[in-house]
Amino acid sequence: MIEFGTESNEFKSSDAGKMYNKDGLDLFVEKGTKAMTKINDSSDQIKKIVKVIDDIAFQTNLLALNANVEAGRGN
Protein backbone atom coordinates (compact mmCIF):
# COMPACT_ATOMS: atom_id res chain seq x y z
CA MET A 1 0.00 0.00 0.00
CA ILE A 2 1.31 3.46 -0.89
CA GLU A 3 1.01 6.01 1.91
CA PHE A 4 1.72 9.72 1.92
CA GLY A 5 2.52 11.09 5.36
CA THR A 6 2.19 9.28 8.63
CA GLU A 7 -0.98 10.75 10.05
CA SER A 8 -4.23 8.84 9.84
CA ASN A 9 -5.87 11.67 7.89
CA GLU A 10 -3.30 11.47 5.08
CA PHE A 11 -4.00 10.00 1.65
CA LYS A 12 -3.52 6.26 1.18
CA SER A 13 -3.83 4.37 -2.09
CA SER A 14 -6.67 2.34 -0.57
CA ASP A 15 -8.69 5.57 -0.36
CA ALA A 16 -8.87 5.73 -4.15
CA GLY A 17 -11.27 2.78 -4.21
CA LYS A 18 -13.70 4.72 -2.02
CA MET A 19 -14.10 7.41 -4.70
CA TYR A 20 -17.06 5.65 -6.26
CA ASN A 21 -19.52 6.98 -3.69
CA LYS A 22 -20.14 10.61 -2.71
CA ASP A 23 -18.84 10.28 0.83
CA GLY A 24 -15.69 8.60 -0.42
CA LEU A 25 -15.13 11.30 -3.02
CA ASP A 26 -15.65 14.02 -0.42
CA LEU A 27 -13.10 12.34 1.85
CA PHE A 28 -10.65 11.96 -1.03
CA VAL A 29 -10.98 15.63 -2.01
CA GLU A 30 -10.72 16.76 1.63
CA LYS A 31 -7.49 14.82 2.14
CA GLY A 32 -6.10 16.16 -1.12
CA THR A 33 -6.98 19.71 -0.08
CA LYS A 34 -5.29 19.26 3.30
CA ALA A 35 -2.17 17.92 1.60
CA MET A 36 -2.06 20.89 -0.79
CA THR A 37 -2.49 23.30 2.13
CA LYS A 38 0.46 21.70 3.92
CA ILE A 39 2.56 21.93 0.75
CA ASN A 40 1.63 25.60 0.36
CA ASP A 41 2.51 26.33 4.00
CA SER A 42 5.86 24.59 3.61
CA SER A 43 6.52 26.56 0.43
CA ASP A 44 5.85 29.82 2.27
CA GLN A 45 8.32 28.84 4.99
CA ILE A 46 10.96 27.97 2.40
CA LYS A 47 10.44 31.35 0.70
CA LYS A 48 11.04 33.12 4.02
CA ILE A 49 14.24 31.14 4.66
CA VAL A 50 15.55 31.82 1.15
CA LYS A 51 14.84 35.54 1.58
CA VAL A 52 16.85 35.63 4.82
CA ILE A 53 19.75 33.81 3.12
CA ASP A 54 19.57 36.22 0.17
CA ASP A 55 19.60 39.23 2.53
CA ILE A 56 22.64 37.84 4.37
CA ALA A 57 24.45 37.24 1.06
CA PHE A 58 23.68 40.80 -0.08
CA GLN A 59 25.03 42.28 3.16
CA THR A 60 28.13 40.09 2.92
CA ASN A 61 28.77 41.34 -0.61
CA LEU A 62 28.40 44.95 0.55
CA LEU A 63 30.88 44.36 3.37
CA ALA A 64 33.35 42.79 0.94
CA LEU A 65 32.97 45.70 -1.47
CA ASN A 66 33.49 48.18 1.36
CA ALA A 67 36.60 46.31 2.51
CA ASN A 68 38.02 46.46 -1.03
CA VAL A 69 37.32 50.18 -1.31
CA GLU A 70 38.98 50.83 2.05
CA ALA A 71 41.96 48.66 1.08
CA GLY A 72 42.28 50.62 -2.16
CA ARG A 73 42.33 53.91 -0.26
CA GLY A 74 45.15 52.67 1.89
CA ASN A 75 47.52 52.30 -1.04
C-alpha atoms as a PDB file:
ATOM      1  CA  MET A   1       0.000   0.000   0.000  1.00  0.00           C
ATOM      2  CA  ILE A   2       1.312   3.456  -0.886  1.00  0.00           C
ATOM      3  CA  GLU A   3       1.008   6.005   1.912  1.00  0.00           C
ATOM      4  CA  PHE A   4       1.721   9.720   1.918  1.00  0.00           C
ATOM      5  CA  GLY A   5       2.519  11.092   5.360  1.00  0.00           C
ATOM      6  CA  THR A   6       2.193   9.276   8.628  1.00  0.00           C
ATOM      7  CA  GLU A   7      -0.978  10.752  10.054  1.00  0.00           C
ATOM      8  CA  SER A   8      -4.229   8.838   9.836  1.00  0.00           C
ATOM      9  CA  ASN A   9      -5.874  11.670   7.893  1.00  0.00           C
ATOM     10  CA  GLU A  10      -3.304  11.472   5.079  1.00  0.00           C
ATOM     11  CA  PHE A  11      -3.999   9.998   1.650  1.00  0.00           C
ATOM     12  CA  LYS A  12      -3.525   6.255   1.180  1.00  0.00           C
ATOM     13  CA  SER A  13      -3.831   4.371  -2.085  1.00  0.00           C
ATOM     14  CA  SER A  14      -6.666   2.339  -0.565  1.00  0.00           C
ATOM     15  CA  ASP A  15      -8.689   5.575  -0.362  1.00  0.00           C
ATOM     16  CA  ALA A  16      -8.875   5.726  -4.145  1.00  0.00           C
ATOM     17  CA  GLY A  17     -11.272   2.783  -4.210  1.00  0.00           C
ATOM     18  CA  LYS A  18     -13.700   4.719  -2.025  1.00  0.00           C
ATOM     19  CA  MET A  19     -14.100   7.411  -4.696  1.00  0.00           C
ATOM     20  CA  TYR A  20     -17.063   5.654  -6.260  1.00  0.00           C
ATOM     21  CA  ASN A  21     -19.525   6.983  -3.690  1.00  0.00           C
ATOM     22  CA  LYS A  22     -20.142  10.606  -2.713  1.00  0.00           C
ATOM     23  CA  ASP A  23     -18.841  10.284   0.830  1.00  0.00           C
ATOM     24  CA  GLY A  24     -15.692   8.598  -0.417  1.00  0.00           C
ATOM     25  CA  LEU A  25     -15.126  11.296  -3.015  1.00  0.00           C
ATOM     26  CA  ASP A  26     -15.653  14.021  -0.423  1.00  0.00           C
ATOM     27  CA  LEU A  27     -13.104  12.336   1.849  1.00  0.00           C
ATOM     28  CA  PHE A  28     -10.650  11.957  -1.026  1.00  0.00           C
ATOM     29  CA  VAL A  29     -10.975  15.627  -2.007  1.00  0.00           C
ATOM     30  CA  GLU A  30     -10.720  16.760   1.628  1.00  0.00           C
ATOM     31  CA  LYS A  31      -7.490  14.823   2.137  1.00  0.00           C
ATOM     32  CA  GLY A  32      -6.101  16.160  -1.121  1.00  0.00           C
ATOM     33  CA  THR A  33      -6.977  19.705  -0.084  1.00  0.00           C
ATOM     34  CA  LYS A  34      -5.292  19.260   3.301  1.00  0.00           C
ATOM     35  CA  ALA A  35      -2.175  17.922   1.598  1.00  0.00           C
ATOM     36  CA  MET A  36      -2.059  20.891  -0.786  1.00  0.00           C
ATOM     37  CA  THR A  37      -2.488  23.299   2.134  1.00  0.00           C
ATOM     38  CA  LYS A  38       0.464  21.701   3.924  1.00  0.00           C
ATOM     39  CA  ILE A  39       2.557  21.932   0.749  1.00  0.00           C
ATOM     40  CA  ASN A  40       1.629  25.599   0.365  1.00  0.00           C
ATOM     41  CA  ASP A  41       2.510  26.335   4.004  1.00  0.00           C
ATOM     42  CA  SER A  42       5.865  24.587   3.606  1.00  0.00           C
ATOM     43  CA  SER A  43       6.523  26.559   0.429  1.00  0.00           C
ATOM     44  CA  ASP A  44       5.854  29.825   2.268  1.00  0.00           C
ATOM     45  CA  GLN A  45       8.316  28.838   4.995  1.00  0.00           C
ATOM     46  CA  ILE A  46      10.961  27.973   2.401  1.00  0.00           C
ATOM     47  CA  LYS A  47      10.437  31.350   0.699  1.00  0.00           C
ATOM     48  CA  LYS A  48      11.043  33.123   4.021  1.00  0.00           C
ATOM     49  CA  ILE A  49      14.239  31.144   4.657  1.00  0.00           C
ATOM     50  CA  VAL A  50      15.547  31.818   1.146  1.00  0.00           C
ATOM     51  CA  LYS A  51      14.840  35.544   1.582  1.00  0.00           C
ATOM     52  CA  VAL A  52      16.848  35.625   4.820  1.00  0.00           C
ATOM     53  CA  ILE A  53      19.749  33.812   3.118  1.00  0.00           C
ATOM     54  CA  ASP A  54      19.567  36.221   0.172  1.00  0.00           C
ATOM     55  CA  ASP A  55      19.603  39.232   2.528  1.00  0.00           C
ATOM     56  CA  ILE A  56      22.642  37.843   4.366  1.00  0.00           C
ATOM     57  CA  ALA A  57      24.450  37.238   1.057  1.00  0.00           C
ATOM     58  CA  PHE A  58      23.682  40.799  -0.076  1.00  0.00           C
ATOM     59  CA  GLN A  59      25.029  42.280   3.164  1.00  0.00           C
ATOM     60  CA  THR A  60      28.128  40.089   2.922  1.00  0.00           C
ATOM     61  CA  ASN A  61      28.773  41.339  -0.613  1.00  0.00           C
ATOM     62  CA  LEU A  62      28.395  44.948   0.549  1.00  0.00           C
ATOM     63  CA  LEU A  63      30.876  44.361   3.370  1.00  0.00           C
ATOM     64  CA  ALA A  64      33.350  42.788   0.939  1.00  0.00           C
ATOM     65  CA  LEU A  65      32.970  45.699  -1.471  1.00  0.00           C
ATOM     66  CA  ASN A  66      33.488  48.180   1.355  1.00  0.00           C
ATOM     67  CA  ALA A  67      36.599  46.309   2.509  1.00  0.00           C
ATOM     68  CA  ASN A  68      38.023  46.462  -1.031  1.00  0.00           C
ATOM     69  CA  VAL A  69      37.315  50.177  -1.306  1.00  0.00           C
ATOM     70  CA  GLU A  70      38.984  50.830   2.051  1.00  0.00           C
ATOM     71  CA  ALA A  71      41.959  48.661   1.077  1.00  0.00           C
ATOM     72  CA  GLY A  72      42.284  50.625  -2.158  1.00  0.00           C
ATOM     73  CA  ARG A  73      42.326  53.908  -0.264  1.00  0.00           C
ATOM     74  CA  GLY A  74      45.145  52.671   1.889  1.00  0.00           C
ATOM     75  CA  ASN A  75      47.521  52.296  -1.038  1.00  0.00           C
END
